[in-house]
């Protein structure tokens, strides 16, 4: 398979048949890098928040790959039981598989953008592939769920948290203390966990773009 024509969006599938997941790939005319999105619990590749951030990155000449980290069958079960959305090792494995898939088709550096539990999956996958992942951004994430992998992360990591999300701020501060890579916690004033307040998601998009501009290179 080849990449789609510049500036076009393409739906793709990734992984073996039994664990095949869906994704949306967008490649701008002259991509400077690629960002893979790892969604949070109960979300997916159609998340309007992630798509909003992805659109900003596309405008800044970054390719984006938005994933459904669960298969349709798993999503159906998860809607009833919520048993897969906190299976961080499964999410990280799927993200790693998507990274390998993209790396076979894309020669530019790759970064991760993770939200909620997806941030933990992104950090675990980044730790497992230190030579493949150039930067990580977390939005309202649970990096603490990455556990012992935190100390192995080498990619510069930005942790974005809303000032009104006190419990998650504490979890991010605890995780940041265990990171040995270049790192920063960015508190967005007046923002809650989902950054639903006017202008706050745009601020997240700007911060993420600036971080990738600084660190997403070979």
Protein backbone atom coordinates (compact mmCIF):
# COMPACT_ATOMS: atom_id res chain seq x y z
CA UNK A 1 0.00 0.00 0.00
CA UNK A 2 1.15 3.52 -0.74
CA UNK A 3 0.39 6.77 1.01
CA UNK A 4 -2.60 8.76 -0.28
CA UNK A 5 -2.15 11.76 -2.53
CA UNK A 6 -1.00 14.94 -0.73
CA UNK A 7 -3.61 16.72 1.38
CA UNK A 8 -6.11 13.88 1.06
CA UNK A 9 -7.68 11.88 3.88
CA UNK A 10 -7.73 8.09 3.70
CA UNK A 11 -9.33 5.45 5.90
CA UNK A 12 -7.04 2.46 6.42
CA UNK A 13 -6.95 -0.77 8.41
CA UNK A 14 -4.00 -1.95 10.47
CA UNK A 15 -3.00 -5.29 11.96
CA UNK A 16 -3.79 -8.98 11.46
CA UNK A 17 -7.40 -9.93 10.72
CA UNK A 18 -8.22 -11.07 14.25
CA UNK A 19 -7.05 -7.74 15.71
CA UNK A 20 -7.61 -5.41 12.78
CA UNK A 21 -8.23 -1.80 13.76
CA UNK A 22 -9.40 1.18 11.71
CA UNK A 23 -7.56 4.46 11.30
CA UNK A 24 -7.72 7.74 9.41
CA UNK A 25 -4.54 8.99 7.75
CA UNK A 26 -4.04 12.54 6.49
CA UNK A 27 -0.86 13.58 4.68
CA UNK A 28 -0.28 17.25 3.78
CA UNK A 29 1.56 18.35 0.66
CA UNK A 30 5.01 18.56 2.25
CA UNK A 31 4.92 16.70 5.57
CA UNK A 32 7.57 17.51 8.15
CA UNK A 33 6.67 14.59 10.38
CA UNK A 34 3.78 12.38 11.48
CA UNK A 35 1.76 12.32 14.68
CA UNK A 36 -0.16 9.23 15.79
CA UNK A 37 -3.15 9.86 18.06
CA UNK A 38 -3.98 7.54 20.96
CA UNK A 39 -7.48 8.31 22.21
CA UNK A 40 -8.73 8.15 25.75
CA UNK A 41 -11.19 5.82 27.42
CA UNK A 42 -14.48 5.41 25.59
CA UNK A 43 -13.30 7.43 22.58
CA UNK A 44 -11.98 6.67 19.11
CA UNK A 45 -10.71 8.05 15.83
CA UNK A 46 -13.81 10.19 15.37
CA UNK A 47 -13.16 12.15 18.57
CA UNK A 48 -13.92 15.78 17.72
CA UNK A 49 -11.30 16.97 20.19
CA UNK A 50 -8.52 14.92 18.64
CA UNK A 51 -9.69 15.79 15.13
CA UNK A 52 -9.54 19.47 16.03
CA UNK A 53 -5.93 19.10 17.21
CA UNK A 54 -5.10 16.97 14.17
CA UNK A 55 -6.45 19.66 11.82
CA UNK A 56 -4.12 22.22 13.40
CA UNK A 57 -1.19 19.84 12.97
CA UNK A 58 -2.15 19.18 9.34
CA UNK A 59 -2.16 22.93 8.72
CA UNK A 60 1.35 23.02 10.19
CA UNK A 61 2.45 20.35 7.65
CA UNK A 62 2.29 17.31 9.94
CA UNK A 63 0.69 14.07 8.84
CA UNK A 64 -1.74 12.56 11.34
CA UNK A 65 -2.96 9.03 12.01
CA UNK A 66 -6.05 8.77 14.21
CA UNK A 67 -6.74 5.28 15.50
CA UNK A 68 -9.47 3.09 16.88
CA UNK A 69 -7.32 1.18 19.35
CA UNK A 70 -10.04 -1.44 19.83
CA UNK A 71 -11.62 -3.74 17.25
CA UNK A 72 -15.38 -3.33 16.63
CA UNK A 73 -16.05 -6.47 18.70
CA UNK A 74 -13.96 -5.15 21.58
CA UNK A 75 -15.67 -1.77 21.42
CA UNK A 76 -19.07 -3.44 21.68
CA UNK A 77 -17.97 -5.32 24.79
CA UNK A 78 -16.25 -2.27 26.25
CA UNK A 79 -19.42 -0.19 25.97
CA UNK A 80 -21.07 -2.63 28.39
CA UNK A 81 -18.20 -3.65 30.66
CA UNK A 82 -15.45 -1.01 30.19
CA UNK A 83 -12.96 -3.86 30.44
CA UNK A 84 -10.73 -2.83 27.51
CA UNK A 85 -10.42 0.94 27.92
CA UNK A 86 -8.10 0.52 30.91
CA UNK A 87 -6.14 -2.38 29.41
CA UNK A 88 -3.12 -0.14 28.91
CA UNK A 89 -0.83 -2.95 27.74
CA UNK A 90 -3.32 -3.85 24.98
CA UNK A 91 -3.66 -0.22 23.90
CA UNK A 92 0.13 0.22 23.88
CA UNK A 93 0.56 -2.93 21.79
CA UNK A 94 -1.95 -1.70 19.23
CA UNK A 95 -0.24 1.70 19.14
CA UNK A 96 3.13 0.03 18.60
CA UNK A 97 1.67 -1.97 15.73
CA UNK A 98 0.32 1.21 14.15
CA UNK A 99 3.75 2.80 14.57
CA UNK A 100 5.40 -0.06 12.71
CA UNK A 101 2.74 0.15 9.99
CA UNK A 102 3.33 3.87 9.52
CA UNK A 103 7.11 3.62 9.68
CA UNK A 104 7.04 1.20 6.74
CA UNK A 105 5.25 3.83 4.65
CA UNK A 106 6.60 7.10 5.98
CA UNK A 107 10.18 8.32 6.16
CA UNK A 108 9.66 11.37 8.38
CA UNK A 109 9.98 11.38 12.21
CA UNK A 110 7.00 10.17 14.25
CA UNK A 111 5.45 11.54 17.43
CA UNK A 112 2.51 10.59 19.66
CA UNK A 113 -0.44 12.63 20.90
CA UNK A 114 -2.23 10.81 23.71
CA UNK A 115 -5.36 11.70 25.67
CA UNK A 116 -6.51 10.21 28.99
CA UNK A 117 -5.54 6.51 29.06
CA UNK A 118 -4.12 6.90 25.56
CA UNK A 119 -1.33 9.01 27.04
CA UNK A 120 -0.16 6.05 29.12
CA UNK A 121 -0.27 3.81 26.06
CA UNK A 122 1.76 6.40 24.12
CA UNK A 123 4.44 6.57 26.80
CA UNK A 124 4.73 2.78 27.01
CA UNK A 125 4.99 2.52 23.22
CA UNK A 126 7.54 5.35 23.14
CA UNK A 127 9.64 3.58 25.76
CA UNK A 128 9.55 0.40 23.69
CA UNK A 129 10.68 2.22 20.54
CA UNK A 130 13.17 4.90 21.64
CA UNK A 131 14.67 5.20 18.16
CA UNK A 132 11.30 5.50 16.40
CA UNK A 133 9.43 8.08 18.48
CA UNK A 134 10.76 11.63 18.51
CA UNK A 135 8.25 13.41 20.78
CA UNK A 136 5.15 12.82 22.91
CA UNK A 137 2.29 15.14 23.90
CA UNK A 138 -0.34 14.24 26.50
CA UNK A 139 -3.69 16.06 26.82
CA UNK A 140 -5.49 15.56 30.10
CA UNK A 141 -3.63 12.29 30.26
CA UNK A 142 -3.04 9.53 32.77
CA UNK A 143 0.73 9.12 32.35
CA UNK A 144 0.86 7.54 35.81
CA UNK A 145 -0.71 4.42 34.27
CA UNK A 146 2.48 3.88 32.25
CA UNK A 147 4.11 2.60 35.44
CA UNK A 148 7.72 1.48 35.21
CA UNK A 149 7.91 2.43 31.52
CA UNK A 150 8.09 6.10 32.51
CA UNK A 151 11.76 5.82 33.43
CA UNK A 152 12.52 4.32 29.99
CA UNK A 153 10.95 7.08 27.88
CA UNK A 154 13.53 8.99 25.85
CA UNK A 155 11.26 11.12 23.68
CA UNK A 156 10.74 14.71 24.89
CA UNK A 157 7.35 14.72 26.60
CA UNK A 158 4.83 17.53 27.12
CA UNK A 159 2.06 16.97 29.68
CA UNK A 160 -0.88 19.36 29.16
CA UNK A 161 -3.43 19.59 31.98
CA UNK A 162 -6.30 21.96 32.73
CA UNK A 163 -5.99 24.10 35.86
CA UNK A 164 -9.46 22.96 36.98
CA UNK A 165 -8.46 19.28 36.77
CA UNK A 166 -6.79 19.13 40.18
CA UNK A 167 -6.63 15.35 40.62
CA UNK A 168 -5.12 14.83 37.17
CA UNK A 169 -2.58 17.60 37.78
CA UNK A 170 -1.35 15.65 40.80
CA UNK A 171 -1.12 12.43 38.77
CA UNK A 172 0.83 14.23 36.03
CA UNK A 173 3.23 15.76 38.53
CA UNK A 174 3.86 12.34 40.03
CA UNK A 175 4.49 10.83 36.58
CA UNK A 176 6.73 13.71 35.51
CA UNK A 177 8.94 13.11 38.52
CA UNK A 178 9.61 9.61 37.16
CA UNK A 179 10.37 10.73 33.62
CA UNK A 180 14.09 11.08 32.89
CA UNK A 181 13.66 12.57 29.40
CA UNK A 182 13.19 16.21 28.44
CA UNK A 183 9.79 17.02 29.93
CA UNK A 184 7.40 19.82 30.77
CA UNK A 185 4.03 20.16 32.47
CA UNK A 186 1.87 22.86 30.90
CA UNK A 187 -1.15 24.02 32.90
CA UNK A 188 -3.89 25.59 30.78
CA UNK A 189 -5.59 28.16 32.98
CA UNK A 190 -9.37 27.94 33.25
CA UNK A 191 -9.57 24.55 31.52
CA UNK A 192 -11.28 21.44 32.86
CA UNK A 193 -10.44 17.81 32.05
CA UNK A 194 -11.95 17.87 28.55
CA UNK A 195 -10.84 21.41 27.66
CA UNK A 196 -14.42 22.24 26.68
CA UNK A 197 -14.16 25.88 27.69
CA UNK A 198 -13.98 28.43 24.83
CA UNK A 199 -10.54 28.68 23.30
CA UNK A 200 -8.93 26.04 25.53
CA UNK A 201 -8.70 23.26 22.95
CA UNK A 202 -7.19 25.75 20.50
CA UNK A 203 -4.57 26.48 23.14
CA UNK A 204 -3.86 22.74 23.43
CA UNK A 205 -3.45 22.59 19.65
CA UNK A 206 -1.00 25.48 19.71
CA UNK A 207 1.03 23.98 22.54
CA UNK A 208 1.19 20.61 20.82
CA UNK A 209 2.24 22.15 17.51
CA UNK A 210 4.96 24.18 19.20
CA UNK A 211 6.26 21.06 20.99
CA UNK A 212 6.40 19.04 17.79
CA UNK A 213 8.01 21.98 15.97
CA UNK A 214 10.73 21.93 18.61
CA UNK A 215 11.28 18.20 19.01
CA UNK A 216 9.81 16.23 16.12
CA UNK A 217 12.89 15.67 14.04
CA UNK A 218 15.18 12.76 13.31
